């Protein structure tokens, strides 16, 4: 697997996360898909359902973007640790989001892998720790 050309993988991963957050905020399913690598697996926070495949996650967001009252999600990295050699990286952080009918937040763990086009998400696991009242994420 090729490693990205840039010398700072932590900065590259944080930039990729920021681009993913921006795609969610812009309701851009193609932008969401661009952050995800082949073999992507996501585990949803509240119900624990598995979303298998990058296209399936992009479809999930495309449907969510059409939901009245959808406010989005923001994922904020707390720690990014890159393996030596840099064949994968772990990101741990906190997230918040929801809709006008409810706000959720929690923590997440993500695995990133280098590709010829930059770091891509291999997996994300979200844990909902707060299921609060309606509001803005």
N, C-alpha and C. Protein backbone atom coordinates (compact mmCIF):
# COMPACT_ATOMS: atom_id res chain seq x y z
N UNK A 1 0.85 -1.17 0.00
CA UNK A 1 0.00 0.00 0.00
C UNK A 1 0.90 1.23 0.00
N UNK A 2 0.58 2.17 -0.83
CA UNK A 2 1.37 3.40 -0.93
C UNK A 2 1.07 4.32 0.24
N UNK A 3 2.10 5.00 0.69
CA UNK A 3 1.89 6.02 1.72
C UNK A 3 1.75 7.37 1.07
N UNK A 4 0.97 8.26 1.67
CA UNK A 4 0.83 9.61 1.11
C UNK A 4 2.18 10.31 1.06
N UNK A 5 2.32 11.23 0.11
CA UNK A 5 3.59 11.91 -0.11
C UNK A 5 3.94 12.89 1.01
N UNK A 6 2.95 13.44 1.67
CA UNK A 6 3.22 14.46 2.69
C UNK A 6 3.98 13.88 3.86
N UNK A 7 4.77 14.71 4.52
CA UNK A 7 5.64 14.27 5.60
C UNK A 7 4.96 14.22 6.95
N UNK A 8 3.76 14.74 7.09
CA UNK A 8 3.09 14.79 8.39
C UNK A 8 1.74 14.06 8.34
N UNK A 9 1.75 12.74 8.56
CA UNK A 9 0.49 12.00 8.45
C UNK A 9 -0.57 12.44 9.45
N UNK A 10 -0.18 12.87 10.64
CA UNK A 10 -1.18 13.33 11.62
C UNK A 10 -1.92 14.55 11.08
N UNK A 11 -1.19 15.51 10.54
CA UNK A 11 -1.82 16.70 9.96
C UNK A 11 -2.70 16.31 8.77
N UNK A 12 -2.24 15.36 7.96
CA UNK A 12 -3.02 14.92 6.81
C UNK A 12 -4.33 14.26 7.25
N UNK A 13 -4.28 13.44 8.29
CA UNK A 13 -5.47 12.77 8.80
C UNK A 13 -6.44 13.79 9.39
N UNK A 14 -5.93 14.75 10.14
CA UNK A 14 -6.80 15.79 10.69
C UNK A 14 -7.44 16.61 9.57
N UNK A 15 -6.70 16.86 8.51
CA UNK A 15 -7.25 17.60 7.36
C UNK A 15 -8.32 16.76 6.66
N UNK A 16 -8.09 15.46 6.54
CA UNK A 16 -9.09 14.57 5.94
C UNK A 16 -10.34 14.53 6.80
N UNK A 17 -10.19 14.52 8.11
CA UNK A 17 -11.35 14.54 9.01
C UNK A 17 -12.11 15.85 8.84
N UNK A 18 -11.38 16.97 8.75
CA UNK A 18 -12.03 18.27 8.56
C UNK A 18 -12.81 18.29 7.23
N UNK A 19 -12.25 17.69 6.19
CA UNK A 19 -12.94 17.64 4.91
C UNK A 19 -14.20 16.78 5.01
N UNK A 20 -14.13 15.69 5.76
CA UNK A 20 -15.29 14.82 5.98
C UNK A 20 -16.37 15.59 6.74
N UNK A 21 -15.99 16.29 7.81
CA UNK A 21 -16.95 17.12 8.54
C UNK A 21 -17.58 18.18 7.64
N UNK A 22 -16.76 18.79 6.79
CA UNK A 22 -17.27 19.83 5.88
C UNK A 22 -18.26 19.22 4.88
N UNK A 23 -17.99 18.00 4.41
CA UNK A 23 -18.91 17.35 3.49
C UNK A 23 -20.26 17.08 4.16
N UNK A 24 -20.22 16.65 5.42
CA UNK A 24 -21.47 16.43 6.15
C UNK A 24 -22.22 17.75 6.31
N UNK A 25 -21.51 18.81 6.70
CA UNK A 25 -22.14 20.11 6.89
C UNK A 25 -22.75 20.64 5.60
N UNK A 26 -22.10 20.34 4.47
CA UNK A 26 -22.58 20.81 3.16
C UNK A 26 -23.62 19.86 2.55
N UNK A 27 -23.91 18.77 3.25
CA UNK A 27 -24.84 17.74 2.75
C UNK A 27 -24.37 17.22 1.40
N UNK A 28 -23.09 16.88 1.35
CA UNK A 28 -22.41 16.44 0.13
C UNK A 28 -22.07 14.96 0.24
N UNK A 29 -22.94 14.09 -0.28
CA UNK A 29 -22.71 12.64 -0.17
C UNK A 29 -21.45 12.21 -0.92
N UNK A 30 -21.15 12.84 -2.05
CA UNK A 30 -19.93 12.50 -2.78
C UNK A 30 -18.69 12.88 -1.96
N UNK A 31 -18.75 13.99 -1.24
CA UNK A 31 -17.65 14.38 -0.37
C UNK A 31 -17.47 13.42 0.78
N UNK A 32 -18.58 12.92 1.32
CA UNK A 32 -18.51 11.88 2.36
C UNK A 32 -17.82 10.65 1.78
N UNK A 33 -18.26 10.22 0.60
CA UNK A 33 -17.69 9.02 -0.02
C UNK A 33 -16.19 9.17 -0.26
N UNK A 34 -15.73 10.37 -0.59
CA UNK A 34 -14.32 10.61 -0.88
C UNK A 34 -13.43 10.34 0.32
N UNK A 35 -13.96 10.44 1.53
CA UNK A 35 -13.17 10.21 2.75
C UNK A 35 -13.02 8.74 3.09
N UNK A 36 -13.81 7.89 2.45
CA UNK A 36 -13.89 6.49 2.85
C UNK A 36 -13.09 5.59 1.92
N UNK A 37 -12.35 4.67 2.52
CA UNK A 37 -11.56 3.73 1.74
C UNK A 37 -12.34 2.48 1.39
N UNK A 38 -11.74 1.68 0.53
CA UNK A 38 -12.34 0.40 0.17
C UNK A 38 -12.37 -0.49 1.41
N UNK A 39 -13.41 -1.26 1.55
CA UNK A 39 -13.56 -2.13 2.71
C UNK A 39 -14.04 -1.41 3.95
N UNK A 40 -14.54 -0.20 3.80
CA UNK A 40 -15.00 0.59 4.94
C UNK A 40 -16.10 -0.13 5.72
N UNK A 41 -16.03 -0.02 7.05
CA UNK A 41 -17.08 -0.52 7.93
C UNK A 41 -17.34 0.54 9.00
N UNK A 42 -18.61 0.91 9.17
CA UNK A 42 -19.01 1.85 10.21
C UNK A 42 -19.96 1.18 11.18
N UNK A 43 -19.80 1.48 12.46
CA UNK A 43 -20.71 0.98 13.49
C UNK A 43 -21.41 2.19 14.10
N UNK A 44 -22.73 2.25 13.92
CA UNK A 44 -23.52 3.39 14.40
C UNK A 44 -23.55 3.43 15.92
N UNK A 45 -23.68 4.64 16.45
CA UNK A 45 -23.55 4.85 17.88
C UNK A 45 -24.69 4.41 18.75
N UNK A 46 -25.91 4.64 18.35
CA UNK A 46 -27.03 4.36 19.24
C UNK A 46 -27.49 2.92 19.14
N UNK A 47 -27.74 2.43 17.91
CA UNK A 47 -28.23 1.07 17.74
C UNK A 47 -27.15 0.04 17.50
N UNK A 48 -25.94 0.49 17.20
CA UNK A 48 -24.84 -0.43 16.96
C UNK A 48 -24.91 -1.15 15.63
N UNK A 49 -25.78 -0.68 14.71
CA UNK A 49 -25.88 -1.35 13.43
C UNK A 49 -24.62 -1.12 12.60
N UNK A 50 -24.26 -2.14 11.82
CA UNK A 50 -23.08 -2.06 10.96
C UNK A 50 -23.49 -1.49 9.60
N UNK A 51 -22.67 -0.59 9.10
CA UNK A 51 -22.84 -0.06 7.75
C UNK A 51 -21.63 -0.54 6.98
N UNK A 52 -21.84 -1.49 6.09
CA UNK A 52 -20.75 -2.18 5.42
C UNK A 52 -20.54 -1.58 4.03
N UNK A 53 -19.38 -1.00 3.83
CA UNK A 53 -19.01 -0.47 2.53
C UNK A 53 -19.10 1.05 2.45
N UNK A 54 -18.15 1.61 1.72
CA UNK A 54 -18.10 3.07 1.55
C UNK A 54 -19.34 3.60 0.84
N UNK A 55 -19.80 2.88 -0.18
CA UNK A 55 -21.00 3.32 -0.88
C UNK A 55 -22.22 3.28 0.03
N UNK A 56 -22.30 2.26 0.90
CA UNK A 56 -23.42 2.17 1.84
C UNK A 56 -23.42 3.35 2.82
N UNK A 57 -22.25 3.77 3.27
CA UNK A 57 -22.18 4.91 4.18
C UNK A 57 -22.56 6.20 3.45
N UNK A 58 -22.10 6.35 2.22
CA UNK A 58 -22.48 7.54 1.43
C UNK A 58 -23.99 7.55 1.20
N UNK A 59 -24.58 6.39 0.94
CA UNK A 59 -26.04 6.30 0.78
C UNK A 59 -26.76 6.64 2.07
N UNK A 60 -26.22 6.17 3.20
CA UNK A 60 -26.79 6.48 4.51
C UNK A 60 -26.88 8.00 4.70
N UNK A 61 -25.78 8.69 4.39
CA UNK A 61 -25.78 10.14 4.53
C UNK A 61 -26.68 10.81 3.50
N UNK A 62 -26.72 10.30 2.28
CA UNK A 62 -27.60 10.89 1.28
C UNK A 62 -29.06 10.86 1.76
N UNK A 63 -29.46 9.76 2.39
CA UNK A 63 -30.82 9.68 2.95
C UNK A 63 -30.98 10.63 4.13
N UNK A 64 -29.97 10.68 5.01
CA UNK A 64 -30.05 11.55 6.19
C UNK A 64 -30.15 13.01 5.77
N UNK A 65 -29.42 13.40 4.72
CA UNK A 65 -29.44 14.79 4.27
C UNK A 65 -30.83 15.23 3.83
N UNK A 66 -31.67 14.28 3.41
CA UNK A 66 -33.02 14.59 2.95
C UNK A 66 -34.03 14.60 4.09
N UNK A 67 -33.60 14.20 5.28
CA UNK A 67 -34.50 14.13 6.43
C UNK A 67 -34.78 15.53 6.96
N UNK A 68 -36.06 15.92 7.05
CA UNK A 68 -36.36 17.24 7.61
C UNK A 68 -35.80 17.36 9.04
N UNK A 69 -35.14 18.46 9.30
CA UNK A 69 -34.60 18.70 10.63
C UNK A 69 -33.23 18.13 10.89
N UNK A 70 -32.61 17.48 9.89
CA UNK A 70 -31.26 16.94 10.07
C UNK A 70 -30.28 18.08 10.28
N UNK A 71 -29.53 18.04 11.38
CA UNK A 71 -28.57 19.10 11.69
C UNK A 71 -27.14 18.72 11.37
N UNK A 72 -26.87 17.44 11.23
CA UNK A 72 -25.52 17.01 10.89
C UNK A 72 -24.79 16.37 12.05
N UNK A 73 -23.53 16.08 11.81
CA UNK A 73 -22.64 15.50 12.81
C UNK A 73 -21.29 16.17 12.70
N UNK A 74 -20.61 16.33 13.82
CA UNK A 74 -19.24 16.84 13.84
C UNK A 74 -18.41 15.86 14.65
N UNK A 75 -17.31 15.42 14.05
CA UNK A 75 -16.38 14.52 14.73
C UNK A 75 -15.11 15.32 15.01
N UNK A 76 -14.66 15.31 16.25
CA UNK A 76 -13.50 16.10 16.66
C UNK A 76 -12.41 15.18 17.20
N UNK A 77 -11.28 15.09 16.52
CA UNK A 77 -10.21 14.21 16.98
C UNK A 77 -9.59 14.71 18.29
N UNK A 78 -9.38 13.78 19.21
CA UNK A 78 -8.62 14.07 20.43
C UNK A 78 -7.20 13.55 20.31
N UNK A 79 -7.03 12.40 19.66
CA UNK A 79 -5.72 11.76 19.52
C UNK A 79 -5.65 11.10 18.15
N UNK A 80 -4.53 11.28 17.46
CA UNK A 80 -4.23 10.52 16.24
C UNK A 80 -2.87 9.88 16.45
N UNK A 81 -2.82 8.56 16.32
CA UNK A 81 -1.57 7.82 16.49
C UNK A 81 -1.29 7.06 15.20
N UNK A 82 -0.11 7.26 14.65
CA UNK A 82 0.28 6.63 13.39
C UNK A 82 1.22 5.47 13.68
N UNK A 83 0.96 4.34 13.04
CA UNK A 83 1.81 3.16 13.20
C UNK A 83 3.19 3.40 12.59
N UNK A 84 4.15 2.61 13.04
CA UNK A 84 5.50 2.65 12.48
C UNK A 84 5.80 1.25 11.95
N UNK A 85 5.96 1.10 10.62
CA UNK A 85 5.85 2.11 9.57
C UNK A 85 4.39 2.57 9.41
N UNK A 86 4.17 3.70 8.74
CA UNK A 86 2.84 4.32 8.68
C UNK A 86 1.87 3.61 7.73
N UNK A 87 1.51 2.37 8.08
CA UNK A 87 0.59 1.59 7.25
C UNK A 87 -0.85 1.71 7.72
N UNK A 88 -1.05 2.33 8.88
CA UNK A 88 -2.39 2.58 9.42
C UNK A 88 -2.26 3.62 10.51
N UNK A 89 -3.38 4.18 10.91
CA UNK A 89 -3.40 5.14 12.01
C UNK A 89 -4.72 4.99 12.76
N UNK A 90 -4.68 5.36 14.04
CA UNK A 90 -5.85 5.31 14.91
C UNK A 90 -6.20 6.74 15.30
N UNK A 91 -7.48 7.05 15.17
CA UNK A 91 -7.99 8.35 15.61
C UNK A 91 -9.05 8.10 16.67
N UNK A 92 -8.94 8.77 17.78
CA UNK A 92 -9.95 8.69 18.83
C UNK A 92 -10.42 10.11 19.10
N UNK A 93 -11.74 10.25 19.29
CA UNK A 93 -12.26 11.59 19.52
C UNK A 93 -13.68 11.57 20.04
N UNK A 94 -14.31 12.73 19.97
CA UNK A 94 -15.70 12.85 20.41
C UNK A 94 -16.53 13.41 19.26
N UNK A 95 -17.81 13.15 19.33
CA UNK A 95 -18.70 13.56 18.26
C UNK A 95 -20.00 14.09 18.84
N UNK A 96 -20.69 14.90 18.04
CA UNK A 96 -22.03 15.36 18.40
C UNK A 96 -22.81 15.52 17.12
N UNK A 97 -24.12 15.48 17.26
CA UNK A 97 -24.96 15.64 16.08
C UNK A 97 -26.39 15.31 16.39
N UNK A 98 -27.17 15.29 15.32
CA UNK A 98 -28.56 14.93 15.49
C UNK A 98 -29.47 15.72 14.58
N UNK A 99 -30.68 15.93 15.08
CA UNK A 99 -31.71 16.60 14.31
C UNK A 99 -32.51 17.50 15.24
N UNK A 100 -33.51 18.14 14.69
CA UNK A 100 -34.36 18.98 15.50
C UNK A 100 -35.14 18.19 16.55
N UNK A 101 -35.24 16.88 16.34
CA UNK A 101 -35.97 16.04 17.30
C UNK A 101 -35.09 15.43 18.37
N UNK A 102 -33.78 15.56 18.26
CA UNK A 102 -32.91 15.02 19.29
C UNK A 102 -31.44 15.22 18.98
N UNK A 103 -30.69 15.44 20.03
CA UNK A 103 -29.25 15.65 19.91
C UNK A 103 -28.55 14.49 20.59
N UNK A 104 -27.46 14.03 19.96
CA UNK A 104 -26.70 12.90 20.48
C UNK A 104 -25.23 13.29 20.53
N UNK A 105 -24.49 12.64 21.40
CA UNK A 105 -23.05 12.85 21.42
C UNK A 105 -22.39 11.62 22.03
N UNK A 106 -21.08 11.54 21.84
CA UNK A 106 -20.35 10.40 22.38
C UNK A 106 -18.90 10.44 21.95
N UNK A 107 -18.32 9.25 21.89
CA UNK A 107 -16.93 9.09 21.50
C UNK A 107 -16.84 8.14 20.31
N UNK A 108 -15.70 8.20 19.61
CA UNK A 108 -15.51 7.33 18.46
C UNK A 108 -14.06 6.89 18.36
N UNK A 109 -13.87 5.81 17.61
CA UNK A 109 -12.55 5.30 17.27
C UNK A 109 -12.56 5.05 15.77
N UNK A 110 -11.55 5.53 15.07
CA UNK A 110 -11.47 5.37 13.63
C UNK A 110 -10.10 4.81 13.24
N UNK A 111 -10.09 4.04 12.16
CA UNK A 111 -8.85 3.52 11.59
C UNK A 111 -8.70 4.14 10.21
N UNK A 112 -7.54 4.72 9.97
CA UNK A 112 -7.20 5.33 8.68
C UNK A 112 -6.10 4.50 8.02
N UNK A 113 -6.12 4.43 6.69
CA UNK A 113 -5.07 3.75 5.94
C UNK A 113 -4.59 4.68 4.82
N UNK A 114 -3.28 4.61 4.52
CA UNK A 114 -2.77 5.44 3.43
C UNK A 114 -3.13 4.83 2.08
N UNK A 115 -3.45 5.69 1.13
CA UNK A 115 -3.72 5.28 -0.25
C UNK A 115 -2.97 6.23 -1.17
N UNK A 116 -2.89 5.91 -2.44
CA UNK A 116 -2.22 6.84 -3.37
C UNK A 116 -2.87 8.21 -3.41
N UNK A 117 -4.14 8.33 -2.99
CA UNK A 117 -4.83 9.63 -3.00
C UNK A 117 -4.98 10.22 -1.61
N UNK A 118 -4.22 9.73 -0.65
CA UNK A 118 -4.26 10.26 0.71
C UNK A 118 -4.82 9.26 1.69
N UNK A 119 -4.91 9.68 2.94
CA UNK A 119 -5.43 8.81 4.00
C UNK A 119 -6.94 8.67 3.86
N UNK A 120 -7.43 7.43 3.98
CA UNK A 120 -8.86 7.13 3.87
C UNK A 120 -9.30 6.33 5.09
N UNK A 121 -10.55 6.49 5.44
CA UNK A 121 -11.10 5.76 6.58
C UNK A 121 -11.34 4.30 6.21
N UNK A 122 -10.85 3.40 7.06
CA UNK A 122 -11.12 1.97 6.92
C UNK A 122 -12.31 1.57 7.79
N UNK A 123 -12.38 2.19 9.00
CA UNK A 123 -13.50 1.87 9.88
C UNK A 123 -13.71 3.00 10.88
N UNK A 124 -14.95 3.05 11.39
CA UNK A 124 -15.32 3.98 12.45
C UNK A 124 -16.31 3.27 13.36
N UNK A 125 -16.11 3.42 14.66
CA UNK A 125 -17.05 2.90 15.64
C UNK A 125 -17.46 4.05 16.54
N UNK A 126 -18.76 4.31 16.59
CA UNK A 126 -19.30 5.40 17.39
C UNK A 126 -20.04 4.83 18.59
N UNK A 127 -19.87 5.47 19.74
CA UNK A 127 -20.58 5.08 20.96
C UNK A 127 -21.36 6.30 21.43
N UNK A 128 -22.67 6.17 21.50
CA UNK A 128 -23.51 7.26 21.98
C UNK A 128 -23.48 7.26 23.50
N UNK A 129 -23.07 8.39 24.08
CA UNK A 129 -22.98 8.52 25.53
C UNK A 129 -24.02 9.49 26.08
N UNK A 130 -24.60 10.31 25.20
CA UNK A 130 -25.63 11.24 25.62
C UNK A 130 -26.71 11.31 24.56
N UNK A 131 -27.93 11.13 24.97
CA UNK A 131 -29.08 11.20 24.08
C UNK A 131 -29.98 12.28 24.64
N UNK A 132 -29.72 13.51 24.19
CA UNK A 132 -30.35 14.66 24.82
C UNK A 132 -31.55 15.21 24.09
N UNK A 133 -31.91 16.38 24.52
CA UNK A 133 -33.09 17.07 24.01
C UNK A 133 -32.82 17.66 22.63
N UNK A 134 -33.86 18.07 21.95
CA UNK A 134 -33.69 18.70 20.65
C UNK A 134 -32.74 19.89 20.74
N UNK A 135 -31.99 20.09 19.65
CA UNK A 135 -31.08 21.22 19.63
C UNK A 135 -30.10 21.14 18.51
N UNK A 136 -29.22 22.09 18.45
CA UNK A 136 -28.22 22.18 17.42
C UNK A 136 -26.97 21.40 17.83
N UNK A 137 -26.39 20.59 16.91
CA UNK A 137 -25.18 19.83 17.28
C UNK A 137 -23.99 20.74 17.52
